[in-house]
Amino acid sequence: MFRFIVRRLLQLIPTLFGLSVLLFIWLRRLPGGPETAILGERGTPETRAAIRRNLGLDEPIMVQYARFLRRMIRLDLGTSTGTKRAVTTEFVERFPGTVELTVMALILAVGIGIPLGYLAARRRGRFLDHASVGGSLVGICIPVFFLAYVLKAIFAENLGWFPSSGRQDPTIGATRVTNFFVLDGIMTREWDAAADALWHLVLPGVALASIPLAIIVRITRASVLEVLNEDFVRTAEAKGLTERTVRRRHVLRNAMLPVATSIGLQAGLLLSGAVLTETVFAFSGIGAFVAESISQRDYPVLMGFIMIIAVVYVLVNLLVDLSYSVIDPRVRVR
């Protein structure tokens, strides 16, 4: 297992290096440049030249890239031209919200999707199978922002069961430790703050979980159907093993590899920022902030956030690879 982990970690180095090169080139090709973001459209040629000189943009491209790489390694991501705050500070404050929202969405998607997909496969051709397949199609087709608005209008504004915006009621006065509001409430034993933060996650979590849930249901169903037709499953049933043993040891374990891949991909996408969901619920995550930074040409934020999100995405895929080795030990020797 240790050699498998080391091998996967070494494979991340060229991947991250390639990502840094692509990000550096892309940001240099954006129209306007950082001097426009700082000075606006009315900057004079002299002030623009001074800004480029102060930022080192008049130096050779390789010198700029080396400086960019050193700053990334030191997590010196610069200062946002919009908020005038350190990019690292912005990330530390906003990323926990996105992580909490992602975890809530994945709990709903995985907790419902895998059992539902398995039951649909076991009852192929029956009502539950048709209902789950039809429901998954609806879940994929409905736009996330539309579902978010519907949930907000019905359950927050009309019924008043859930809060309509934010991560937590500001009047609670909760203690901040990690900026993970639910975790902070648990750590400080402020149970009302933890419950309120969790309650704020329900509606955006349901909206965000709709597409991952539909995908997981369909992939689980297809994978289980494929495994059920394998000879080793029929042999296990012929031996008189209980249905629980066959399900746990033979069916689910062999069907989980494609499901784990799907979960990993969905987790990476959700962690990169749910722009529409965060915007509808005024949820202070990184998605809406990055979208706003693009419109404002906030280059330090774009450089820092995109690179960090890329690293997170790569690490999530590493965890998926490690889950393969747990589900199927034969993967370690390939």
Protein backbone atom coordinates (compact mmCIF):
# COMPACT_ATOMS: atom_id res chain seq x y z
CA MET A 1 0.00 0.00 0.00
CA PHE A 2 2.80 2.44 0.89
CA ARG A 3 4.56 1.95 -2.46
CA PHE A 4 1.24 2.42 -4.24
CA ILE A 5 0.65 5.76 -2.45
CA VAL A 6 4.21 6.98 -3.16
CA ARG A 7 3.88 6.06 -6.83
CA ARG A 8 0.61 7.99 -7.13
CA LEU A 9 2.07 11.02 -5.33
CA LEU A 10 5.07 11.12 -7.68
CA GLN A 11 2.70 11.03 -10.64
CA LEU A 12 1.07 14.23 -9.32
CA ILE A 13 4.24 16.31 -9.80
CA PRO A 14 4.18 16.53 -13.63
CA THR A 15 0.40 17.00 -13.52
CA LEU A 16 0.62 20.01 -11.21
CA PHE A 17 3.56 21.40 -13.17
CA GLY A 18 1.54 21.22 -16.39
CA LEU A 19 -1.41 22.88 -14.68
CA SER A 20 0.78 25.75 -13.48
CA VAL A 21 2.10 26.32 -17.02
CA LEU A 22 -1.39 26.32 -18.56
CA LEU A 23 -2.73 28.65 -15.87
CA PHE A 24 0.18 31.06 -16.26
CA ILE A 25 -0.22 31.22 -20.06
CA TRP A 26 -4.02 31.54 -19.89
CA LEU A 27 -3.95 34.43 -17.44
CA ARG A 28 -1.34 36.26 -19.54
CA ARG A 29 -3.61 35.92 -22.60
CA LEU A 30 -6.70 37.45 -20.98
CA PRO A 31 -7.63 40.86 -22.47
CA GLY A 32 -6.85 44.02 -20.57
CA GLY A 33 -4.15 42.74 -18.30
CA PRO A 34 -3.73 43.36 -14.55
CA GLU A 35 -3.01 47.05 -15.10
CA THR A 36 -6.55 47.48 -16.42
CA ALA A 37 -7.93 45.66 -13.38
CA ILE A 38 -6.03 48.01 -11.07
CA LEU A 39 -6.40 51.33 -12.90
CA GLY A 40 -9.64 50.81 -14.81
CA GLU A 41 -10.22 51.87 -18.38
CA ARG A 42 -9.02 55.46 -17.80
CA GLY A 43 -5.42 54.72 -16.89
CA THR A 44 -2.81 56.68 -18.84
CA PRO A 45 -0.04 54.89 -20.78
CA GLU A 46 2.48 56.16 -18.22
CA THR A 47 0.60 54.78 -15.22
CA ARG A 48 -0.02 51.49 -17.03
CA ALA A 49 3.69 51.17 -17.78
CA ALA A 50 4.50 51.94 -14.15
CA ILE A 51 2.09 49.24 -12.93
CA ARG A 52 3.58 46.67 -15.31
CA ARG A 53 7.06 47.61 -14.13
CA ASN A 54 6.09 47.31 -10.45
CA LEU A 55 4.45 43.94 -11.06
CA GLY A 56 7.43 42.65 -13.03
CA LEU A 57 5.37 42.20 -16.20
CA ASP A 58 8.05 43.85 -18.32
CA GLU A 59 10.59 41.10 -17.51
CA PRO A 60 11.23 37.99 -19.65
CA ILE A 61 8.40 35.46 -19.58
CA MET A 62 10.54 32.72 -17.98
CA VAL A 63 11.53 35.05 -15.15
CA GLN A 64 7.85 35.85 -14.57
CA TYR A 65 6.93 32.15 -14.54
CA ALA A 66 9.75 31.30 -12.08
CA ARG A 67 8.54 34.04 -9.75
CA PHE A 68 4.95 32.84 -10.17
CA LEU A 69 5.98 29.26 -9.30
CA ARG A 70 7.96 30.31 -6.23
CA ARG A 71 5.03 32.32 -4.91
CA MET A 72 2.66 29.42 -5.46
CA ILE A 73 4.93 27.04 -3.55
CA ARG A 74 5.14 29.53 -0.66
CA LEU A 75 1.33 30.11 -0.85
CA ASP A 76 2.06 33.81 -1.43
CA LEU A 77 -0.91 34.43 -3.71
CA GLY A 78 -0.85 38.22 -3.65
CA THR A 79 -3.61 40.71 -2.85
CA SER A 80 -7.04 40.89 -4.44
CA THR A 81 -7.48 44.02 -6.54
CA GLY A 82 -11.20 43.97 -5.69
CA THR A 83 -11.35 43.43 -1.93
CA LYS A 84 -7.78 44.66 -1.19
CA ARG A 85 -7.28 41.61 1.03
CA ALA A 86 -4.78 38.76 0.80
CA VAL A 87 -5.96 36.02 -1.56
CA THR A 88 -4.95 33.39 0.99
CA THR A 89 -7.21 35.08 3.57
CA GLU A 90 -10.12 35.10 1.12
CA PHE A 91 -9.58 31.42 0.37
CA VAL A 92 -9.34 30.41 4.03
CA GLU A 93 -12.60 32.24 4.78
CA ARG A 94 -14.59 31.05 1.76
CA PHE A 95 -13.39 27.53 0.97
CA PRO A 96 -14.74 25.94 4.20
CA GLY A 97 -18.26 26.97 3.15
CA THR A 98 -17.84 25.24 -0.20
CA VAL A 99 -16.45 22.15 1.53
CA GLU A 100 -19.42 21.99 3.91
CA LEU A 101 -21.86 22.40 1.03
CA THR A 102 -20.03 19.71 -0.98
CA VAL A 103 -20.06 17.27 1.94
CA MET A 104 -23.79 17.82 2.46
CA ALA A 105 -24.50 17.26 -1.24
CA LEU A 106 -22.34 14.13 -1.37
CA ILE A 107 -23.94 12.68 1.78
CA LEU A 108 -27.35 13.06 0.16
CA ALA A 109 -26.21 11.83 -3.25
CA VAL A 110 -24.24 8.81 -2.02
CA GLY A 111 -26.55 7.93 0.87
CA ILE A 112 -29.58 7.81 -1.42
CA GLY A 113 -28.00 7.03 -4.79
CA ILE A 114 -26.13 3.80 -4.03
CA PRO A 115 -28.99 2.03 -2.16
CA LEU A 116 -31.53 3.20 -4.73
CA GLY A 117 -29.36 2.12 -7.65
CA TYR A 118 -28.76 -1.28 -6.06
CA LEU A 119 -32.46 -1.85 -5.33
CA ALA A 120 -33.39 -0.77 -8.86
CA ALA A 121 -30.95 -3.33 -10.28
CA ARG A 122 -32.24 -6.10 -8.02
CA ARG A 123 -35.82 -5.29 -9.05
CA ARG A 124 -35.13 -4.77 -12.72
CA GLY A 125 -38.27 -4.16 -14.76
CA ARG A 126 -40.45 -3.42 -11.73
CA PHE A 127 -41.95 -0.18 -10.52
CA LEU A 128 -38.95 0.86 -8.38
CA ASP A 129 -36.60 0.33 -11.31
CA HIS A 130 -38.70 2.44 -13.69
CA ALA A 131 -39.25 5.13 -11.03
CA SER A 132 -35.55 5.42 -10.21
CA VAL A 133 -34.51 5.59 -13.87
CA GLY A 134 -37.20 8.17 -14.64
CA GLY A 135 -36.35 10.19 -11.55
CA SER A 136 -32.65 10.19 -12.44
CA LEU A 137 -33.46 11.53 -15.91
CA VAL A 138 -35.49 14.32 -14.35
CA GLY A 139 -32.68 15.09 -11.90
CA ILE A 140 -30.15 15.41 -14.73
CA CYS A 141 -32.45 17.52 -16.94
CA ILE A 142 -33.60 20.09 -14.35
CA PRO A 143 -31.16 23.04 -14.20
CA VAL A 144 -29.61 23.44 -10.76
CA PHE A 145 -30.43 27.15 -10.53
CA PHE A 146 -34.10 26.48 -11.36
CA LEU A 147 -34.34 23.78 -8.69
CA ALA A 148 -32.59 26.09 -6.22
CA TYR A 149 -35.11 28.89 -6.87
CA VAL A 150 -38.04 26.46 -6.53
CA LEU A 151 -36.75 25.06 -3.23
CA LYS A 152 -36.06 28.54 -1.91
CA ALA A 153 -39.50 29.85 -2.91
CA ILE A 154 -41.43 26.91 -1.45
CA PHE A 155 -39.56 25.83 1.66
CA ALA A 156 -37.87 29.08 2.69
CA GLU A 157 -40.09 31.96 1.60
CA ASN A 158 -43.59 30.39 1.57
CA LEU A 159 -43.40 27.74 4.30
CA GLY A 160 -40.55 29.27 6.29
CA TRP A 161 -39.11 25.87 7.22
CA PHE A 162 -35.54 26.69 6.18
CA PRO A 163 -33.43 29.86 5.98
CA SER A 164 -33.29 31.44 2.53
CA SER A 165 -29.69 32.68 2.49
CA GLY A 166 -26.32 32.68 4.20
CA ARG A 167 -24.36 30.07 6.10
CA GLN A 168 -25.54 30.91 9.61
CA ASP A 169 -27.77 33.34 11.47
CA PRO A 170 -25.46 36.27 12.33
CA THR A 171 -27.39 37.01 15.54
CA ILE A 172 -26.21 33.75 17.13
CA GLY A 173 -22.73 35.13 17.73
CA ALA A 174 -20.98 31.81 17.18
CA THR A 175 -17.30 31.33 17.99
CA ARG A 176 -15.06 30.98 14.91
CA VAL A 177 -12.22 28.45 15.06
CA THR A 178 -11.81 26.84 11.64
CA ASN A 179 -14.46 28.68 9.55
CA PHE A 180 -16.23 25.35 9.17
CA PHE A 181 -19.37 26.55 10.91
CA VAL A 182 -20.80 23.12 11.75
CA LEU A 183 -17.45 21.86 13.01
CA ASP A 184 -16.85 25.05 15.00
CA GLY A 185 -20.19 24.62 16.76
CA ILE A 186 -19.32 21.04 17.66
CA MET A 187 -15.79 21.90 18.83
CA THR A 188 -16.99 24.76 21.04
CA ARG A 189 -20.11 22.84 22.13
CA GLU A 190 -22.31 25.63 20.82
CA TRP A 191 -24.94 23.18 19.68
CA ASP A 192 -27.40 25.84 18.58
CA ALA A 193 -24.77 27.33 16.25
CA ALA A 194 -23.91 23.91 14.80
CA ALA A 195 -27.60 23.08 14.27
CA ASP A 196 -28.28 26.46 12.65
CA ALA A 197 -25.31 26.09 10.28
CA LEU A 198 -26.47 22.58 9.37
CA TRP A 199 -30.01 23.88 8.78
CA HIS A 200 -28.63 26.49 6.38
CA LEU A 201 -26.99 23.70 4.36
CA VAL A 202 -30.15 21.70 3.70
CA LEU A 203 -31.74 23.58 0.78
CA PRO A 204 -28.53 24.40 -1.14
CA GLY A 205 -27.30 20.87 -0.41
CA VAL A 206 -30.44 19.32 -1.88
CA ALA A 207 -30.22 21.54 -4.97
CA LEU A 208 -26.53 20.76 -5.45
CA ALA A 209 -27.04 17.01 -4.89
CA SER A 210 -29.64 16.61 -7.65
CA ILE A 211 -27.26 15.92 -10.55
CA PRO A 212 -24.70 13.81 -8.59
CA LEU A 213 -27.59 11.78 -7.14
CA ALA A 214 -29.01 11.06 -10.59
CA ILE A 215 -25.59 10.07 -11.95
CA ILE A 216 -24.78 7.80 -9.00
CA VAL A 217 -28.16 6.05 -9.24
CA ARG A 218 -27.69 5.27 -12.92
CA ILE A 219 -24.06 4.17 -12.63
CA THR A 220 -24.77 2.02 -9.56
CA ARG A 221 -27.72 0.37 -11.28
CA ALA A 222 -25.73 -0.36 -14.46
CA SER A 223 -22.72 -1.65 -12.52
CA VAL A 224 -24.78 -3.91 -10.24
CA LEU A 225 -26.68 -5.32 -13.23
CA GLU A 226 -23.37 -6.16 -14.88
CA VAL A 227 -22.02 -7.88 -11.77
CA LEU A 228 -25.26 -9.82 -11.17
CA ASN A 229 -24.76 -11.53 -14.52
CA GLU A 230 -21.25 -12.72 -13.63
CA ASP A 231 -20.60 -16.41 -13.06
CA PHE A 232 -19.11 -15.93 -9.59
CA VAL A 233 -22.38 -14.42 -8.31
CA ARG A 234 -24.43 -17.34 -9.60
CA THR A 235 -21.87 -19.73 -8.09
CA ALA A 236 -22.12 -17.98 -4.70
CA GLU A 237 -25.92 -18.21 -4.80
CA ALA A 238 -25.75 -21.87 -5.84
CA LYS A 239 -23.56 -22.60 -2.81
CA GLY A 240 -26.40 -21.46 -0.57
CA LEU A 241 -24.81 -18.28 0.73
CA THR A 242 -27.23 -15.81 2.28
CA GLU A 243 -28.40 -12.86 0.23
CA ARG A 244 -26.64 -10.48 2.64
CA THR A 245 -23.32 -12.26 2.16
CA VAL A 246 -23.66 -12.33 -1.61
CA ARG A 247 -24.63 -8.66 -1.66
CA ARG A 248 -21.78 -7.47 0.58
CA ARG A 249 -18.89 -9.69 -0.51
CA HIS A 250 -19.58 -10.32 -4.17
CA VAL A 251 -22.01 -7.83 -5.69
CA LEU A 252 -21.43 -4.44 -4.03
CA ARG A 253 -17.67 -4.73 -3.70
CA ASN A 254 -17.17 -5.60 -7.37
CA ALA A 255 -19.68 -2.99 -8.51
CA MET A 256 -18.14 -0.11 -6.55
CA LEU A 257 -15.16 0.70 -8.81
CA PRO A 258 -17.09 2.71 -11.43
CA VAL A 259 -19.26 4.20 -8.67
CA ALA A 260 -16.15 5.37 -6.79
CA THR A 261 -14.88 7.00 -9.99
CA SER A 262 -18.17 8.85 -10.39
CA ILE A 263 -18.20 10.01 -6.78
CA GLY A 264 -14.64 11.28 -7.06
CA LEU A 265 -15.37 13.24 -10.23
CA GLN A 266 -18.51 14.76 -8.72
CA ALA A 267 -16.67 15.69 -5.52
CA GLY A 268 -13.96 17.45 -7.53
CA LEU A 269 -16.54 19.38 -9.54
CA LEU A 270 -18.47 20.43 -6.43
CA LEU A 271 -15.31 21.55 -4.62
CA SER A 272 -14.41 23.75 -7.57
CA GLY A 273 -17.35 25.95 -6.61
CA ALA A 274 -21.12 25.76 -7.11
CA VAL A 275 -21.55 29.20 -8.67
CA LEU A 276 -25.30 29.11 -9.33
CA THR A 277 -26.30 27.47 -6.06
CA GLU A 278 -24.12 29.78 -3.99
CA THR A 279 -25.52 32.80 -5.84
CA VAL A 280 -29.18 31.84 -5.34
CA PHE A 281 -28.75 31.22 -1.61
CA ALA A 282 -26.20 34.03 -1.04
CA PHE A 283 -23.86 31.35 0.25
CA SER A 284 -20.35 32.69 0.90
CA GLY A 285 -18.32 30.01 -0.88
CA ILE A 286 -15.63 30.24 -3.52
CA GLY A 287 -17.81 29.67 -6.60
CA ALA A 288 -19.59 33.01 -6.71
CA PHE A 289 -16.43 34.82 -5.60
CA VAL A 290 -14.36 33.39 -8.47
CA ALA A 291 -17.11 34.23 -10.97
CA GLU A 292 -17.14 37.81 -9.70
CA SER A 293 -13.34 37.94 -9.90
CA ILE A 294 -13.46 36.92 -13.56
CA SER A 295 -15.78 39.82 -14.39
CA GLN A 296 -13.57 42.24 -12.43
CA ARG A 297 -10.32 40.87 -13.91
CA ASP A 298 -9.02 40.20 -10.42
CA TYR A 299 -5.90 38.35 -11.57
CA PRO A 300 -4.39 37.51 -8.16
CA VAL A 301 -7.63 35.84 -7.09
CA LEU A 302 -7.94 33.95 -10.36
CA MET A 303 -4.33 32.72 -10.24
CA GLY A 304 -4.49 31.66 -6.62
CA PHE A 305 -7.96 30.16 -6.51
CA ILE A 306 -7.73 28.25 -9.78
CA MET A 307 -4.37 26.73 -8.86
CA ILE A 308 -5.52 25.73 -5.38
CA ILE A 309 -8.77 24.28 -6.76
CA ALA A 310 -6.75 22.33 -9.32
CA VAL A 311 -4.58 20.92 -6.53
CA VAL A 312 -7.70 19.97 -4.56
CA TYR A 313 -9.16 18.28 -7.64
CA VAL A 314 -5.96 16.28 -8.17
CA LEU A 315 -5.89 15.24 -4.51
CA VAL A 316 -9.51 14.08 -4.73
CA ASN A 317 -8.58 11.90 -7.68
CA LEU A 318 -5.68 10.53 -5.62
CA LEU A 319 -8.17 9.54 -2.92
CA VAL A 320 -10.25 7.83 -5.61
CA ASP A 321 -7.17 5.85 -6.69
CA LEU A 322 -6.57 4.85 -3.06
CA SER A 323 -10.19 3.76 -2.73
CA TYR A 324 -9.62 1.47 -5.72
CA SER A 325 -6.85 -0.29 -3.84
CA VAL A 326 -9.15 -0.79 -0.85
CA ILE A 327 -12.09 -2.04 -2.92
CA ASP A 328 -9.96 -4.21 -5.21
CA PRO A 329 -6.44 -5.04 -3.89
CA ARG A 330 -5.40 -6.19 -7.37
CA VAL A 331 -5.19 -2.50 -8.39
CA ARG A 332 -2.07 -2.02 -6.22
CA VAL A 333 0.07 -4.29 -8.37
CA ARG A 334 -0.97 -2.86 -11.74
